[in-house]
Amino acid sequence: MEALFCLSPRYRLDDELPWLEGIDPSRHYWIMVNGDKNLTVALPGLIVSAKSELKQVMQQFRSLQPGEQMTLARIADTCKIHCVSSNCYAIETEINGAPVWHLFDQETLDSLLMTAHPDWQCAPKDIELGRRLLLRSFEQLAAIKN
């Protein structure tokens, strides 16, 4: 079986191929890499505790200049957003052990980040995505015994 290797999938709100499967209650963005339903990743998204914090993070994102990056800190992991150019942003992840940058235009990434608003609620169908993420975590090795 040949390993899938994706260099830089790119996503826009007006893409012809659907790429966003959904956003779960814990603000993970479920992305079908290059529109492939068989290769879906859950990118950790922005979580804030107050509207003022969301406003601050959005201002930081919108002020990023090419070559700059910002980190979204979460309890279990972090997510880095890189400003590649004036209208191109990358979220770095790993697929099949290879580093991948998912490319977004500003409007698309801005829309995803806005789901961090404290009043935002996911679609009822996306609650199942959160369950799937929880099941994935149960499948991972938590500690190695020497």
C-alpha atoms as a PDB file:
ATOM      1  CA  MET A   1       0.000   0.000   0.000  1.00  0.00           C
ATOM      2  CA  GLU A   2       1.347   3.399  -0.964  1.00  0.00           C
ATOM      3  CA  ALA A   3       1.519   6.047   1.776  1.00  0.00           C
ATOM      4  CA  LEU A   4      -0.378   9.235   1.071  1.00  0.00           C
ATOM      5  CA  PHE A   5       1.793  12.353   1.145  1.00  0.00           C
ATOM      6  CA  CYS A   6       0.195  15.800   1.023  1.00  0.00           C
ATOM      7  CA  LEU A   7       2.390  18.837   0.695  1.00  0.00           C
ATOM      8  CA  SER A   8       0.065  21.781   1.206  1.00  0.00           C
ATOM      9  CA  PRO A   9      -3.666  21.315   0.826  1.00  0.00           C
ATOM     10  CA  ARG A  10      -5.428  24.664   0.333  1.00  0.00           C
ATOM     11  CA  TYR A  11      -8.920  25.595   1.504  1.00  0.00           C
ATOM     12  CA  ARG A  12     -11.273  28.490   0.724  1.00  0.00           C
ATOM     13  CA  LEU A  13     -14.895  29.107   1.700  1.00  0.00           C
ATOM     14  CA  ASP A  14     -15.901  29.019  -1.985  1.00  0.00           C
ATOM     15  CA  ASP A  15     -14.110  25.766  -2.876  1.00  0.00           C
ATOM     16  CA  GLU A  16     -15.945  23.498  -5.296  1.00  0.00           C
ATOM     17  CA  LEU A  17     -14.986  20.398  -3.327  1.00  0.00           C
ATOM     18  CA  PRO A  18     -16.284  20.195   0.232  1.00  0.00           C
ATOM     19  CA  TRP A  19     -13.400  20.123   2.700  1.00  0.00           C
ATOM     20  CA  LEU A  20     -14.926  21.043   6.074  1.00  0.00           C
ATOM     21  CA  GLU A  21     -16.661  18.049   7.620  1.00  0.00           C
ATOM     22  CA  GLY A  22     -17.589  20.074  10.682  1.00  0.00           C
ATOM     23  CA  ILE A  23     -16.497  21.722  13.901  1.00  0.00           C
ATOM     24  CA  ASP A  24     -16.972  19.690  17.054  1.00  0.00           C
ATOM     25  CA  PRO A  25     -17.984  21.095  20.467  1.00  0.00           C
ATOM     26  CA  SER A  26     -14.322  21.302  21.555  1.00  0.00           C
ATOM     27  CA  ARG A  27     -13.580  23.548  18.546  1.00  0.00           C
ATOM     28  CA  HIS A  28     -11.626  21.028  16.474  1.00  0.00           C
ATOM     29  CA  TYR A  29     -11.876  21.776  12.754  1.00  0.00           C
ATOM     30  CA  TRP A  30     -12.558  18.484  10.923  1.00  0.00           C
ATOM     31  CA  ILE A  31     -10.907  18.866   7.523  1.00  0.00           C
ATOM     32  CA  MET A  32     -11.062  16.425   4.609  1.00  0.00           C
ATOM     33  CA  VAL A  33      -7.526  16.769   3.243  1.00  0.00           C
ATOM     34  CA  ASN A  34      -7.764  17.829  -0.395  1.00  0.00           C
ATOM     35  CA  GLY A  35     -11.483  16.948  -0.252  1.00  0.00           C
ATOM     36  CA  ASP A  36     -10.705  13.248   0.404  1.00  0.00           C
ATOM     37  CA  LYS A  37     -13.340  11.768   2.764  1.00  0.00           C
ATOM     38  CA  ASN A  38     -10.943   8.908   3.574  1.00  0.00           C
ATOM     39  CA  LEU A  39      -8.321  11.302   4.949  1.00  0.00           C
ATOM     40  CA  THR A  40      -9.922  13.503   7.587  1.00  0.00           C
ATOM     41  CA  VAL A  41      -7.894  15.330  10.225  1.00  0.00           C
ATOM     42  CA  ALA A  42      -9.058  17.193  13.304  1.00  0.00           C
ATOM     43  CA  LEU A  43      -7.131  20.448  13.606  1.00  0.00           C
ATOM     44  CA  PRO A  44      -7.155  21.943  17.099  1.00  0.00           C
ATOM     45  CA  GLY A  45      -8.955  25.267  16.993  1.00  0.00           C
ATOM     46  CA  LEU A  46      -9.183  28.357  19.104  1.00  0.00           C
ATOM     47  CA  ILE A  47     -10.821  28.218  22.538  1.00  0.00           C
ATOM     48  CA  VAL A  48     -11.395  31.327  24.645  1.00  0.00           C
ATOM     49  CA  SER A  49     -13.133  31.942  27.956  1.00  0.00           C
ATOM     50  CA  ALA A  50     -14.435  35.456  27.261  1.00  0.00           C
ATOM     51  CA  LYS A  51     -15.405  37.712  24.373  1.00  0.00           C
ATOM     52  CA  SER A  52     -12.574  40.087  25.267  1.00  0.00           C
ATOM     53  CA  GLU A  53     -10.066  37.267  24.853  1.00  0.00           C
ATOM     54  CA  LEU A  54     -11.558  36.386  21.449  1.00  0.00           C
ATOM     55  CA  LYS A  55     -11.269  40.022  20.376  1.00  0.00           C
ATOM     56  CA  GLN A  56      -7.613  40.112  21.437  1.00  0.00           C
ATOM     57  CA  VAL A  57      -6.731  36.890  19.589  1.00  0.00           C
ATOM     58  CA  MET A  58      -8.588  38.010  16.448  1.00  0.00           C
ATOM     59  CA  GLN A  59      -6.694  41.313  16.462  1.00  0.00           C
ATOM     60  CA  GLN A  60      -3.428  39.396  16.822  1.00  0.00           C
ATOM     61  CA  PHE A  61      -4.376  37.102  13.909  1.00  0.00           C
ATOM     62  CA  ARG A  62      -5.443  39.965  11.649  1.00  0.00           C
ATOM     63  CA  SER A  63      -2.214  41.855  12.354  1.00  0.00           C
ATOM     64  CA  LEU A  64       0.101  38.965  11.411  1.00  0.00           C
ATOM     65  CA  GLN A  65       2.640  39.886   8.759  1.00  0.00           C
ATOM     66  CA  PRO A  66       4.301  37.484   6.283  1.00  0.00           C
ATOM     67  CA  GLY A  67       6.828  35.337   8.118  1.00  0.00           C
ATOM     68  CA  GLU A  68       5.169  35.787  11.522  1.00  0.00           C
ATOM     69  CA  GLN A  69       3.350  33.113  13.455  1.00  0.00           C
ATOM     70  CA  MET A  70       1.061  32.787  16.442  1.00  0.00           C
ATOM     71  CA  THR A  71       0.328  29.850  18.716  1.00  0.00           C
ATOM     72  CA  LEU A  72      -3.094  28.773  19.867  1.00  0.00           C
ATOM     73  CA  ALA A  73      -2.587  27.117  23.241  1.00  0.00           C
ATOM     74  CA  ARG A  74      -4.938  24.336  24.274  1.00  0.00           C
ATOM     75  CA  ILE A  75      -4.955  22.092  27.326  1.00  0.00           C
ATOM     76  CA  ALA A  76      -3.533  19.021  25.583  1.00  0.00           C
ATOM     77  CA  ASP A  77      -1.722  20.549  22.604  1.00  0.00           C
ATOM     78  CA  THR A  78      -0.964  23.674  20.641  1.00  0.00           C
ATOM     79  CA  CYS A  79      -1.638  24.833  17.122  1.00  0.00           C
ATOM     80  CA  LYS A  80       0.617  27.188  15.153  1.00  0.00           C
ATOM     81  CA  ILE A  81      -0.713  29.581  12.556  1.00  0.00           C
ATOM     82  CA  HIS A  82       1.856  30.912  10.099  1.00  0.00           C
ATOM     83  CA  CYS A  83       1.317  33.968   7.927  1.00  0.00           C
ATOM     84  CA  VAL A  84       2.761  32.879   4.588  1.00  0.00           C
ATOM     85  CA  SER A  85       1.753  35.985   2.599  1.00  0.00           C
ATOM     86  CA  SER A  86      -0.811  38.785   2.766  1.00  0.00           C
ATOM     87  CA  ASN A  87      -3.758  36.435   2.145  1.00  0.00           C
ATOM     88  CA  CYS A  88      -2.293  33.014   2.869  1.00  0.00           C
ATOM     89  CA  TYR A  89      -2.105  31.382   6.282  1.00  0.00           C
ATOM     90  CA  ALA A  90      -0.952  27.902   7.260  1.00  0.00           C
ATOM     91  CA  ILE A  91      -1.879  25.639  10.137  1.00  0.00           C
ATOM     92  CA  GLU A  92       0.828  23.050  10.659  1.00  0.00           C
ATOM     93  CA  THR A  93      -0.025  19.439  11.441  1.00  0.00           C
ATOM     94  CA  GLU A  94       1.285  15.966  10.771  1.00  0.00           C
ATOM     95  CA  ILE A  95      -0.226  13.332   8.478  1.00  0.00           C
ATOM     96  CA  ASN A  96       1.216   9.825   8.322  1.00  0.00           C
ATOM     97  CA  GLY A  97       4.319  11.045  10.149  1.00  0.00           C
ATOM     98  CA  ALA A  98       4.973  13.838   7.626  1.00  0.00           C
ATOM     99  CA  PRO A  99       4.660  17.547   8.420  1.00  0.00           C
ATOM    100  CA  VAL A 100       1.860  19.272   6.509  1.00  0.00           C
ATOM    101  CA  TRP A 101       0.802  22.891   6.276  1.00  0.00           C
ATOM    102  CA  HIS A 102      -2.910  23.358   5.580  1.00  0.00           C
ATOM    103  CA  LEU A 103      -3.246  26.624   3.661  1.00  0.00           C
ATOM    104  CA  PHE A 104      -6.183  28.998   4.171  1.00  0.00           C
ATOM    105  CA  ASP A 105      -7.060  32.419   2.876  1.00  0.00           C
ATOM    106  CA  GLN A 106      -7.726  35.068   5.535  1.00  0.00           C
ATOM    107  CA  GLU A 107     -11.518  34.970   5.225  1.00  0.00           C
ATOM    108  CA  THR A 108     -11.662  31.206   5.722  1.00  0.00           C
ATOM    109  CA  LEU A 109      -9.334  31.062   8.711  1.00  0.00           C
ATOM    110  CA  ASP A 110     -11.026  34.100  10.221  1.00  0.00           C
ATOM    111  CA  SER A 111     -14.372  32.278   9.984  1.00  0.00           C
ATOM    112  CA  LEU A 112     -12.971  29.171  11.652  1.00  0.00           C
ATOM    113  CA  LEU A 113     -11.418  31.174  14.483  1.00  0.00           C
ATOM    114  CA  MET A 114     -14.681  33.029  15.113  1.00  0.00           C
ATOM    115  CA  THR A 115     -16.263  29.744  16.231  1.00  0.00           C
ATOM    116  CA  ALA A 116     -14.340  30.297  19.478  1.00  0.00           C
ATOM    117  CA  HIS A 117     -16.977  32.854  20.465  1.00  0.00           C
ATOM    118  CA  PRO A 118     -18.373  31.781  23.860  1.00  0.00           C
ATOM    119  CA  ASP A 119     -21.971  31.805  22.510  1.00  0.00           C
ATOM    120  CA  TRP A 120     -21.158  29.636  19.463  1.00  0.00           C
ATOM    121  CA  GLN A 121     -22.708  26.173  19.346  1.00  0.00           C
ATOM    122  CA  CYS A 122     -21.795  23.414  16.958  1.00  0.00           C
ATOM    123  CA  ALA A 123     -24.330  21.872  14.614  1.00  0.00           C
ATOM    124  CA  PRO A 124     -26.135  18.891  16.158  1.00  0.00           C
ATOM    125  CA  LYS A 125     -24.559  16.543  13.581  1.00  0.00           C
ATOM    126  CA  ASP A 126     -21.064  17.680  14.642  1.00  0.00           C
ATOM    127  CA  ILE A 127     -21.460  16.402  18.203  1.00  0.00           C
ATOM    128  CA  GLU A 128     -20.608  12.966  16.779  1.00  0.00           C
ATOM    129  CA  LEU A 129     -17.254  14.364  15.610  1.00  0.00           C
ATOM    130  CA  GLY A 130     -16.412  15.153  19.231  1.00  0.00           C
ATOM    131  CA  ARG A 131     -17.245  11.569  20.175  1.00  0.00           C
ATOM    132  CA  ARG A 132     -15.005  10.316  17.387  1.00  0.00           C
ATOM    133  CA  LEU A 133     -12.125  12.447  18.697  1.00  0.00           C
ATOM    134  CA  LEU A 134     -12.662  11.032  22.181  1.00  0.00           C
ATOM    135  CA  LEU A 135     -12.562   7.481  20.799  1.00  0.00           C
ATOM    136  CA  ARG A 136      -9.312   8.299  18.965  1.00  0.00           C
ATOM    137  CA  SER A 137      -7.770   9.452  22.243  1.00  0.00           C
ATOM    138  CA  PHE A 138      -8.704   6.160  23.914  1.00  0.00           C
ATOM    139  CA  GLU A 139      -6.830   4.294  21.153  1.00  0.00           C
ATOM    140  CA  GLN A 140      -3.578   6.174  21.825  1.00  0.00           C
ATOM    141  CA  LEU A 141      -0.939   4.881  24.172  1.00  0.00           C
ATOM    142  CA  ALA A 142      -0.905   7.008  27.310  1.00  0.00           C
ATOM    143  CA  ALA A 143       2.277   5.714  28.958  1.00  0.00           C
ATOM    144  CA  ILE A 144       5.055   3.306  28.132  1.00  0.00           C
ATOM    145  CA  LYS A 145       6.214   0.866  30.774  1.00  0.00           C
ATOM    146  CA  ASN A 146       9.971   0.239  30.798  1.00  0.00           C
END
